[in-house]
């Protein structure tokens, strides 16, 4: 199992972000940050492993 942080996750208050990260670590979940990448024809949202 894993948790994926959306593109707007960084806009959340620090207390919310740290609580979610700590909970994910305590449950042994892999953590991914979604990153927007631009291609010639489209935009791609790609998960990047952060744990």
Protein backbone atom coordinates (compact mmCIF):
# COMPACT_ATOMS: atom_id res chain seq x y z
CA UNK A 1 0.00 0.00 0.00
CA UNK A 2 1.06 3.59 -0.54
CA UNK A 3 -0.01 7.18 -0.03
CA UNK A 4 0.12 9.70 -2.87
CA UNK A 5 0.41 13.42 -2.13
CA UNK A 6 -1.47 15.50 -4.68
CA UNK A 7 -0.18 18.58 -6.47
CA UNK A 8 -1.69 20.89 -3.84
CA UNK A 9 -0.38 19.02 -0.79
CA UNK A 10 2.38 21.59 -0.21
CA UNK A 11 -0.29 24.30 0.19
CA UNK A 12 -1.60 22.61 3.34
CA UNK A 13 -0.65 23.85 6.84
CA UNK A 14 2.60 22.33 8.16
CA UNK A 15 0.77 20.61 11.04
CA UNK A 16 -1.50 18.77 8.57
CA UNK A 17 1.42 17.72 6.36
CA UNK A 18 3.57 16.49 9.24
CA UNK A 19 0.67 14.54 10.79
CA UNK A 20 -0.07 12.77 7.50
CA UNK A 21 3.62 11.98 6.92
CA UNK A 22 4.06 10.61 10.45
CA UNK A 23 0.95 8.46 10.12
CA UNK A 24 2.17 7.07 6.78
CA UNK A 25 5.57 6.22 8.31
CA UNK A 26 4.00 4.55 11.35
CA UNK A 27 1.85 2.37 9.07
CA UNK A 28 4.83 1.49 6.84
CA UNK A 29 3.28 3.06 3.74
CA UNK A 30 5.39 4.13 0.78
CA UNK A 31 5.00 7.85 0.13
CA UNK A 32 4.84 9.42 -3.32
CA UNK A 33 4.72 13.06 -4.36
CA UNK A 34 2.85 13.77 -7.58
CA UNK A 35 4.88 15.92 -9.95
CA UNK A 36 3.64 17.73 -13.06
CA UNK A 37 5.80 17.15 -16.12
CA UNK A 38 5.27 18.87 -19.45
CA UNK A 39 5.55 16.91 -22.68
CA UNK A 40 5.45 18.23 -26.25
CA UNK A 41 1.79 17.32 -26.54
CA UNK A 42 0.45 17.02 -23.01
CA UNK A 43 1.03 17.31 -19.28
CA UNK A 44 1.90 14.20 -17.29
CA UNK A 45 1.39 13.78 -13.56
CA UNK A 46 4.10 11.41 -12.36
CA UNK A 47 4.53 9.86 -8.90
CA UNK A 48 7.99 10.34 -7.32
CA UNK A 49 8.96 8.15 -4.34
CA UNK A 50 9.88 10.31 -1.33
CA UNK A 51 10.28 7.87 1.58
